[in-house]
Amino acid sequence: MKITNISIDRSITIFTLMFMVIMIGAISYVRLPREASPDVEIPIVVVMAPYFGASSADMENLVTRKLEQQLKGIADLEEMTSASSEGFSQVVLEFTTDIEMSDALQKVRDAVELAKPDLPQDVRDDLTIREISSSDWAIMQIVLSGDFGLVELKRIGEDLQEEIERIEGVLSADLAGGVEQEVRIDVDPERLRFYGIALLDVMDAIRLENVTIPGGNLALGTYDYQLRVPGEFESIDIIPEILVNPGAPTPVYIKDLAEVKMGIKDRETISRINQVDAVTLDVKKRTGENIVRIAKEIREALERLESTLPEGIEITVVSDVSVTIKDMVSELENNILSGLILVVLVLFLFLGVTNSLFIASAIPFSMLITFMILPWLDMTLNMVVLFALILALGMLVDNAIVIVENS
C-alpha cells in the first residue's frame, strides 16, 4: 500500500510522530478533568415564588395561574407542571432536548416579567428562576462538629466556607445547619390599642430609622467626595428610643410598646453527625473542572486550617465523589493493562511475535490519541468515556487482526 510504503521509507519521521503522540497523549491524560458523569444539560427550568402567609388556594389564584398564563406560550415548551402550597408556588418547565438552555432561561425570564404586574408586590421581589443542572450536585460534604454552640459553629463554618470558595474551580460551598442571631421586637397588642397605634406604624418607624442616605457630592478644589449619612443601627440599644408617632402631642417610643432583645433566628436547616448537632458544607464545582484536583486542594486546605481552629473542633469529610472517580479510573487502567497482556499472549500463540506486537502497540497508541482529542472536544474523563474506551478496545483488536492478516 502507498501509505505503508511511505511510512517504511520515512521511518525516522514515523518514530518521531510516535514519540510525540506518547508525550502529548500522556500529558493530556494527566490533565484531563475527572468527573463521575458527563455534564448533561437538563432541559428543565423552575420558577419559584414565595408569598408568606397566603393559603394554598390564594397561591393558586393569585400567583400560580398568573404565571401559567404567560409561561404556557413559550416556544419549545414540552411540559409544564405546577404546585401550590401554603406560602409557596412552584412551576416546573420542561423543554425539548434540542433547545439551548441559555435561550430557554431568557424566554422564561421574559415571560415572568410580563406576569409580574399581575402578581402581589411581595411576590415580585422574591421570584426565583433556576435551571436544573448537574453542577448543582455536591462533590464533597464537610461536617464541623464539637463542644461549641451552634452560633459559634456556624461562624467557624463561614470562615471555612470563604477559604474553600477561594479554591480554583469551586462554584460554591453551601452552609447548612447552625443558627443565627437576630433582633426580636415583641410588640404588646394591649399597648398598641392603648396608644391607638397600628403595628404598621411601628414597622415603618423602625424601617425609616435603619437606613443610610446618600448625601451627594462635595467638591473641594480638584477633588470630589461622595457624601452619605449613615443611619443603620450599630446596637440594639438605639431601637427602644425610636419615636413612633412624630408630631403627636404625647410622644410614644418603641420601648413603650415592645420589648427589644437579641434572639435566635428560626432554623431553616438542621445538620447532625452521630446524633450531635453540627454544621455541613456542601461543595459544588464549576462545569468542566477537575474534581480530583479540587478535592485534593480542599483536603490540603482542611489540613492547613485544622491547626488554626479552636481546640475541640472536629472536621469530618462524609462524602467525596473524587474517591469514586479515582477507583473508576484505576479500574479502567487495570482493564486496559490486563486486556493488553491477554491480547498479546493470545496473538503470540496464534500469529507469532511480530504480528502480536503490531496489534498490541495499536492499543496504547489509540488510547493516547483519544486523550489528545478529548480536550479539544471539551470532554472530561467520566464514566461514559471510560466505558466507551473499554468497549472500543475489543473492536480495536478485531480490526487490527484483520489489517495485519491482509497486509
Protein backbone atom coordinates (compact mmCIF):
# COMPACT_ATOMS: atom_id res chain seq x y z
CA MET A 1 0.00 0.00 0.00
CA LYS A 2 1.09 3.54 -0.64
CA ILE A 3 0.73 4.69 3.00
CA THR A 4 2.67 1.65 4.22
CA ASN A 5 5.49 2.25 1.72
CA ILE A 6 5.70 5.94 2.65
CA SER A 7 5.85 5.04 6.37
CA ILE A 8 8.62 2.49 5.79
CA ASP A 9 10.65 4.92 3.67
CA ARG A 10 10.35 7.63 6.33
CA SER A 11 10.78 5.52 9.44
CA ILE A 12 12.54 8.29 11.40
CA THR A 13 9.58 10.63 10.85
CA ILE A 14 7.16 7.91 11.95
CA PHE A 15 9.15 7.20 15.13
CA THR A 16 9.23 10.94 15.87
CA LEU A 17 5.47 11.18 15.45
CA MET A 18 5.02 8.13 17.69
CA PHE A 19 7.15 9.75 20.38
CA MET A 20 5.11 12.96 20.10
CA VAL A 21 1.87 11.01 20.43
CA ILE A 22 3.18 9.27 23.56
CA MET A 23 4.27 12.53 25.19
CA ILE A 24 1.24 14.66 24.28
CA GLY A 25 -1.20 11.83 25.00
CA ALA A 26 0.31 11.16 28.42
CA ILE A 27 0.25 14.87 29.34
CA SER A 28 -3.36 15.18 28.13
CA TYR A 29 -4.37 12.13 30.19
CA VAL A 30 -2.87 13.60 33.36
CA ARG A 31 -4.52 16.99 32.79
CA LEU A 32 -7.94 15.74 31.72
CA PRO A 33 -10.69 16.84 34.15
CA ARG A 34 -12.21 13.90 36.03
CA GLU A 35 -15.93 13.65 36.65
CA ALA A 36 -18.27 10.93 37.84
CA SER A 37 -20.67 11.56 34.97
CA PRO A 38 -20.68 13.87 31.94
CA ASP A 39 -22.13 17.34 32.29
CA VAL A 40 -25.52 16.84 30.65
CA GLU A 41 -27.83 19.77 30.02
CA ILE A 42 -31.14 19.04 31.71
CA PRO A 43 -33.86 20.98 29.81
CA ILE A 44 -35.78 21.95 32.96
CA VAL A 45 -36.32 25.42 34.40
CA VAL A 46 -38.05 26.00 37.74
CA VAL A 47 -39.87 29.20 38.71
CA MET A 48 -40.29 29.59 42.49
CA ALA A 49 -42.47 32.25 44.11
CA PRO A 50 -42.74 32.55 47.92
CA TYR A 51 -45.65 34.52 49.42
CA PHE A 52 -45.60 34.05 53.17
CA GLY A 53 -48.93 33.92 54.94
CA ALA A 54 -51.01 33.03 51.88
CA SER A 55 -53.06 29.85 51.80
CA SER A 56 -52.63 27.24 49.08
CA ALA A 57 -55.88 28.37 47.40
CA ASP A 58 -54.70 32.00 47.38
CA MET A 59 -51.32 30.92 45.97
CA GLU A 60 -53.12 29.07 43.19
CA ASN A 61 -55.33 32.02 42.23
CA LEU A 62 -53.01 34.98 42.88
CA VAL A 63 -49.65 33.56 41.78
CA THR A 64 -49.62 30.17 40.05
CA ARG A 65 -52.36 30.86 37.50
CA LYS A 66 -50.90 34.27 36.64
CA LEU A 67 -47.51 32.70 35.94
CA GLU A 68 -49.01 29.84 33.93
CA GLN A 69 -50.88 32.23 31.66
CA GLN A 70 -47.62 33.81 30.49
CA LEU A 71 -45.38 30.75 30.61
CA LYS A 72 -47.61 28.42 28.59
CA GLY A 73 -46.94 30.38 25.40
CA ILE A 74 -43.16 29.85 25.43
CA ALA A 75 -41.79 28.17 22.30
CA ASP A 76 -40.23 24.69 22.56
CA LEU A 77 -42.05 24.07 25.85
CA GLU A 78 -42.84 20.36 26.12
CA GLU A 79 -44.50 20.10 29.53
CA MET A 80 -45.43 22.45 32.37
CA THR A 81 -46.38 21.33 35.87
CA SER A 82 -47.14 23.46 38.91
CA ALA A 83 -47.63 23.01 42.63
CA SER A 84 -49.21 25.45 45.08
CA SER A 85 -48.77 25.10 48.80
CA GLU A 86 -49.12 27.38 51.79
CA GLY A 87 -46.87 30.38 51.18
CA PHE A 88 -45.11 28.89 48.14
CA SER A 89 -45.72 28.33 44.44
CA GLN A 90 -43.56 26.36 42.03
CA VAL A 91 -43.81 25.99 38.25
CA VAL A 92 -41.60 23.39 36.52
CA LEU A 93 -40.99 23.87 32.79
CA GLU A 94 -39.60 21.02 30.71
CA PHE A 95 -38.30 21.95 27.24
CA THR A 96 -37.37 19.88 24.21
CA THR A 97 -33.90 18.34 24.35
CA ASP A 98 -32.56 20.28 21.35
CA ILE A 99 -33.08 23.73 22.89
CA GLU A 100 -30.17 25.87 24.08
CA MET A 101 -30.64 26.35 27.81
CA SER A 102 -29.47 29.97 27.74
CA ASP A 103 -32.29 30.71 25.27
CA ALA A 104 -34.79 28.82 27.41
CA LEU A 105 -33.79 30.78 30.52
CA GLN A 106 -34.15 34.07 28.68
CA LYS A 107 -37.60 33.10 27.39
CA VAL A 108 -38.72 32.19 30.91
CA ARG A 109 -37.37 35.48 32.31
CA ASP A 110 -39.22 37.47 29.64
CA ALA A 111 -42.49 35.64 30.36
CA VAL A 112 -42.11 36.15 34.12
CA GLU A 113 -41.51 39.87 33.59
CA LEU A 114 -44.80 40.06 31.69
CA ALA A 115 -46.58 38.30 34.56
CA LYS A 116 -45.10 40.48 37.34
CA PRO A 117 -47.63 43.38 37.06
CA ASP A 118 -50.42 40.90 37.89
CA LEU A 119 -48.62 39.46 40.93
CA PRO A 120 -48.63 40.78 44.52
CA GLN A 121 -45.78 43.15 45.33
CA ASP A 122 -44.14 40.79 47.82
CA VAL A 123 -44.03 38.03 45.21
CA ARG A 124 -42.39 40.22 42.55
CA ASP A 125 -39.38 40.93 44.74
CA ASP A 126 -38.76 37.29 45.75
CA LEU A 127 -39.31 35.45 42.44
CA THR A 128 -36.56 32.96 41.62
CA ILE A 129 -35.83 31.38 38.24
CA ARG A 130 -33.47 28.41 38.39
CA GLU A 131 -32.03 25.99 35.86
CA ILE A 132 -31.62 22.34 36.86
CA SER A 133 -28.00 21.39 36.26
CA SER A 134 -25.73 18.50 37.23
CA SER A 135 -23.26 21.09 38.57
CA ASP A 136 -25.73 21.70 41.42
CA TRP A 137 -24.81 18.35 42.96
CA ALA A 138 -22.26 18.46 45.75
CA ILE A 139 -18.90 16.80 45.09
CA MET A 140 -17.88 16.85 48.76
CA GLN A 141 -19.60 17.22 52.13
CA ILE A 142 -17.62 18.54 55.09
CA VAL A 143 -19.06 18.42 58.60
CA LEU A 144 -17.91 20.60 61.51
CA SER A 145 -18.74 19.41 65.00
CA GLY A 146 -17.51 19.97 68.53
CA ASP A 147 -18.34 21.14 72.03
CA PHE A 148 -19.47 24.57 70.85
CA GLY A 149 -22.79 26.29 70.43
CA LEU A 150 -24.43 26.33 67.02
CA VAL A 151 -23.81 30.08 66.70
CA GLU A 152 -20.06 29.60 67.15
CA LEU A 153 -20.03 26.54 64.89
CA LYS A 154 -21.70 28.49 62.13
CA ARG A 155 -19.22 31.36 62.49
CA ILE A 156 -16.32 28.91 62.15
CA GLY A 157 -18.11 27.27 59.21
CA GLU A 158 -18.44 30.62 57.45
CA ASP A 159 -14.69 31.23 57.81
CA LEU A 160 -14.01 27.79 56.36
CA GLN A 161 -16.55 28.47 53.61
CA GLU A 162 -14.61 31.54 52.46
CA GLU A 163 -11.35 29.57 52.29
CA ILE A 164 -12.90 26.76 50.25
CA GLU A 165 -14.59 29.13 47.79
CA ARG A 166 -11.20 30.69 47.04
CA ILE A 167 -10.01 27.41 45.52
CA GLU A 168 -9.97 27.50 41.73
CA GLY A 169 -12.85 25.53 40.24
CA VAL A 170 -15.14 25.70 43.29
CA LEU A 171 -18.51 27.17 42.41
CA SER A 172 -19.87 27.45 45.95
CA ALA A 173 -19.76 25.91 49.41
CA ASP A 174 -23.30 25.98 50.78
CA LEU A 175 -23.65 26.07 54.55
CA ALA A 176 -26.33 24.00 56.28
CA GLY A 177 -27.11 23.77 59.98
CA GLY A 178 -26.20 26.20 62.74
CA VAL A 179 -28.23 29.14 63.93
CA GLU A 180 -28.10 32.91 63.53
CA GLN A 181 -28.81 35.66 66.00
CA GLU A 182 -31.42 38.27 65.19
CA VAL A 183 -33.07 41.24 66.86
CA ARG A 184 -36.52 40.38 68.20
CA ILE A 185 -39.07 43.12 68.82
CA ASP A 186 -42.00 41.66 70.75
CA VAL A 187 -44.87 44.14 70.42
CA ASP A 188 -47.61 44.14 73.07
CA PRO A 189 -51.06 44.32 71.41
CA GLU A 190 -52.63 45.82 74.52
CA ARG A 191 -50.22 48.75 74.48
CA LEU A 192 -50.89 49.32 70.79
CA ARG A 193 -54.61 49.62 71.49
CA PHE A 194 -53.97 51.86 74.50
CA TYR A 195 -51.91 54.36 72.47
CA GLY A 196 -54.03 53.97 69.33
CA ILE A 197 -51.04 52.98 67.16
CA ALA A 198 -51.08 50.36 64.40
CA LEU A 199 -48.44 47.65 64.05
CA LEU A 200 -47.62 49.04 60.60
CA ASP A 201 -46.64 52.35 62.23
CA VAL A 202 -44.10 50.54 64.40
CA MET A 203 -42.65 48.72 61.38
CA ASP A 204 -42.41 51.94 59.35
CA ALA A 205 -40.70 53.79 62.20
CA ILE A 206 -38.01 51.12 62.53
CA ARG A 207 -37.51 50.82 58.78
CA LEU A 208 -37.17 54.58 58.24
CA GLU A 209 -34.61 54.92 61.04
CA ASN A 210 -32.46 51.99 59.93
CA VAL A 211 -31.25 53.44 56.61
CA THR A 212 -28.14 55.08 55.18
CA ILE A 213 -28.95 58.10 52.97
CA PRO A 214 -26.74 59.27 50.08
CA GLY A 215 -25.61 62.87 50.63
CA GLY A 216 -24.49 63.81 47.12
CA ASN A 217 -21.08 65.18 46.11
CA LEU A 218 -18.78 67.71 47.74
CA ALA A 219 -16.25 69.48 45.52
CA LEU A 220 -13.09 70.77 47.21
CA GLY A 221 -10.61 72.10 44.70
CA THR A 222 -9.68 69.34 42.29
CA TYR A 223 -11.23 66.59 44.45
CA ASP A 224 -14.82 65.34 44.53
CA TYR A 225 -16.05 63.50 47.61
CA GLN A 226 -19.07 61.22 47.85
CA LEU A 227 -21.16 62.01 50.93
CA ARG A 228 -23.54 59.79 52.82
CA VAL A 229 -25.46 59.98 56.06
CA PRO A 230 -25.05 56.68 57.96
CA GLY A 231 -28.14 55.75 59.91
CA GLU A 232 -28.11 51.96 60.24
CA PHE A 233 -28.32 50.53 63.73
CA GLU A 234 -25.00 49.63 65.32
CA SER A 235 -26.54 48.45 68.58
CA ILE A 236 -29.97 47.29 69.72
CA ASP A 237 -29.86 49.95 72.47
CA ILE A 238 -30.89 52.50 69.83
CA ILE A 239 -34.09 50.72 68.84
CA PRO A 240 -36.10 51.27 72.08
CA GLU A 241 -35.54 55.05 71.77
CA ILE A 242 -37.11 55.32 68.28
CA LEU A 243 -40.09 57.69 68.16
CA VAL A 244 -43.17 56.02 66.67
CA ASN A 245 -45.57 59.00 66.38
CA PRO A 246 -43.58 62.13 65.45
CA GLY A 247 -45.62 65.33 65.72
CA ALA A 248 -48.11 63.88 68.21
CA PRO A 249 -48.71 65.75 71.50
CA THR A 250 -47.68 62.70 73.51
CA PRO A 251 -44.54 61.02 72.14
CA VAL A 252 -44.57 57.24 72.07
CA TYR A 253 -41.34 55.27 71.75
CA ILE A 254 -40.66 51.66 70.84
CA LYS A 255 -39.83 50.92 74.48
CA ASP A 256 -43.39 51.95 75.39
CA LEU A 257 -44.86 49.37 73.02
CA ALA A 258 -42.46 46.47 72.78
CA GLU A 259 -39.58 44.57 74.31
CA VAL A 260 -36.35 44.59 72.27
CA LYS A 261 -33.85 41.77 72.75
CA MET A 262 -31.41 39.56 70.88
CA GLY A 263 -32.87 36.21 69.90
CA ILE A 264 -32.23 33.21 67.69
CA LYS A 265 -33.49 33.11 64.13
CA ASP A 266 -35.78 30.21 63.23
CA ARG A 267 -33.69 27.33 61.88
CA GLU A 268 -34.17 26.57 58.19
CA THR A 269 -31.72 23.65 58.03
CA ILE A 270 -30.62 21.04 60.56
CA SER A 271 -27.35 19.10 60.36
CA ARG A 272 -26.25 16.29 62.68
CA ILE A 273 -23.45 13.76 62.81
CA ASN A 274 -23.51 10.83 65.23
CA GLN A 275 -26.64 12.36 66.84
CA VAL A 276 -24.73 15.59 67.60
CA ASP A 277 -25.64 18.99 66.16
CA ALA A 278 -23.16 20.11 63.51
CA VAL A 279 -22.62 22.38 60.51
CA THR A 280 -22.31 20.96 56.98
CA LEU A 281 -20.58 22.45 53.93
CA ASP A 282 -21.79 21.18 50.53
CA VAL A 283 -19.03 21.92 48.00
CA LYS A 284 -20.05 22.34 44.34
CA LYS A 285 -17.71 22.66 41.39
CA ARG A 286 -17.85 24.65 38.18
CA THR A 287 -18.69 22.88 34.93
CA GLY A 288 -15.73 21.13 33.31
CA GLU A 289 -13.38 21.42 36.28
CA ASN A 290 -11.26 18.55 37.58
CA ILE A 291 -12.98 17.01 40.60
CA VAL A 292 -9.89 15.07 41.68
CA ARG A 293 -7.73 18.21 41.72
CA ILE A 294 -10.38 20.25 43.56
CA ALA A 295 -10.88 17.54 46.19
CA LYS A 296 -7.12 17.27 46.73
CA GLU A 297 -6.77 21.04 47.21
CA ILE A 298 -9.75 21.10 49.59
CA ARG A 299 -8.23 18.37 51.75
CA GLU A 300 -4.91 20.22 51.77
CA ALA A 301 -6.73 23.40 52.84
CA LEU A 302 -8.53 21.50 55.61
CA GLU A 303 -5.24 20.10 56.93
CA ARG A 304 -3.72 23.58 56.82
CA LEU A 305 -6.65 25.23 58.61
CA GLU A 306 -7.23 22.49 61.18
CA SER A 307 -4.34 23.72 63.31
CA THR A 308 -5.82 27.26 63.39
CA LEU A 309 -9.28 26.17 64.55
CA PRO A 310 -10.28 26.21 68.22
CA GLU A 311 -9.43 23.09 70.16
CA GLY A 312 -12.31 20.62 70.16
CA ILE A 313 -13.48 21.32 66.58
CA GLU A 314 -13.63 18.14 64.53
CA ILE A 315 -13.66 18.20 60.71
CA THR A 316 -15.17 15.14 59.01
CA VAL A 317 -15.43 14.53 55.25
CA VAL A 318 -18.56 12.38 54.97
CA SER A 319 -18.81 12.34 51.18
CA ASP A 320 -16.18 12.69 48.44
CA VAL A 321 -17.00 11.96 44.80
CA SER A 322 -13.32 12.07 43.86
CA VAL A 323 -12.76 8.75 45.67
CA THR A 324 -15.26 7.04 43.36
CA ILE A 325 -13.68 8.67 40.31
CA LYS A 326 -10.19 7.52 41.33
CA ASP A 327 -11.46 3.96 41.75
CA MET A 328 -13.18 4.13 38.36
CA VAL A 329 -10.06 5.42 36.59
CA SER A 330 -7.95 2.81 38.34
CA GLU A 331 -10.37 0.11 37.22
CA LEU A 332 -10.09 1.32 33.63
CA GLU A 333 -6.30 1.25 33.77
CA ASN A 334 -6.36 -2.28 35.18
CA ASN A 335 -8.80 -3.44 32.50
CA ILE A 336 -6.74 -1.93 29.69
CA LEU A 337 -3.50 -3.35 31.04
CA SER A 338 -4.92 -6.82 31.65
CA GLY A 339 -6.62 -6.74 28.24
CA LEU A 340 -3.37 -5.75 26.58
CA ILE A 341 -1.46 -8.59 28.25
CA LEU A 342 -4.11 -11.20 27.36
CA VAL A 343 -4.30 -9.97 23.77
CA VAL A 344 -0.52 -10.18 23.37
CA LEU A 345 -0.41 -13.70 24.82
CA VAL A 346 -3.25 -14.99 22.65
CA LEU A 347 -1.88 -13.38 19.49
CA PHE A 348 1.61 -14.63 20.30
CA LEU A 349 0.30 -18.19 20.37
CA PHE A 350 -1.59 -17.97 17.08
CA LEU A 351 0.03 -15.19 14.99
CA GLY A 352 3.62 -15.07 16.13
CA VAL A 353 5.75 -12.46 17.85
CA THR A 354 5.86 -9.79 15.12
CA ASN A 355 2.16 -9.68 14.37
CA SER A 356 1.23 -9.77 18.05
CA LEU A 357 3.49 -6.79 18.78
CA PHE A 358 2.00 -4.80 15.89
CA ILE A 359 -1.53 -5.41 17.13
CA ALA A 360 -0.65 -4.81 20.78
CA SER A 361 1.03 -1.48 20.02
CA ALA A 362 -2.17 -0.19 18.43
CA ILE A 363 -4.00 -0.30 21.78
CA PRO A 364 -1.97 2.26 23.79
CA PHE A 365 -1.44 4.49 20.74
CA SER A 366 -5.17 4.63 20.03
CA MET A 367 -5.87 5.44 23.67
CA LEU A 368 -3.24 8.20 23.73
CA ILE A 369 -4.60 9.74 20.53
CA THR A 370 -8.06 9.71 22.12
CA PHE A 371 -6.74 11.53 25.18
CA MET A 372 -5.22 14.16 22.86
CA ILE A 373 -8.55 14.80 21.15
CA LEU A 374 -10.83 14.86 24.23
CA PRO A 375 -9.69 18.34 25.47
CA TRP A 376 -10.38 19.84 22.04
CA LEU A 377 -13.93 18.49 22.24
CA ASP A 378 -14.41 19.98 25.74
CA MET A 379 -14.99 16.50 27.14
CA THR A 380 -13.97 15.19 30.54
CA LEU A 381 -12.80 11.78 31.67
CA ASN A 382 -16.02 10.39 33.09
CA MET A 383 -17.91 7.14 33.43
CA VAL A 384 -19.36 7.23 29.91
CA VAL A 385 -15.99 7.97 28.26
CA LEU A 386 -14.22 5.29 30.29
CA PHE A 387 -16.70 2.55 29.41
CA ALA A 388 -16.65 3.65 25.75
CA LEU A 389 -12.87 3.21 25.72
CA ILE A 390 -13.19 -0.28 27.18
CA LEU A 391 -15.75 -1.25 24.50
CA ALA A 392 -13.58 0.25 21.78
CA LEU A 393 -10.68 -1.88 22.97
CA GLY A 394 -12.32 -5.06 21.70
CA MET A 395 -13.23 -3.51 18.34
CA LEU A 396 -9.68 -2.20 18.01
CA VAL A 397 -8.17 -5.67 18.43
CA ASP A 398 -10.53 -7.22 15.87
CA ASN A 399 -9.76 -4.55 13.27
CA ALA A 400 -6.03 -4.76 13.93
CA ILE A 401 -6.06 -8.54 13.34
CA VAL A 402 -7.89 -8.11 10.04
CA ILE A 403 -5.44 -5.45 8.85
CA VAL A 404 -2.36 -7.46 9.84
CA GLU A 405 -3.69 -10.62 8.20
CA ASN A 406 -4.38 -8.79 4.94
CA SER A 407 -1.11 -6.87 4.76
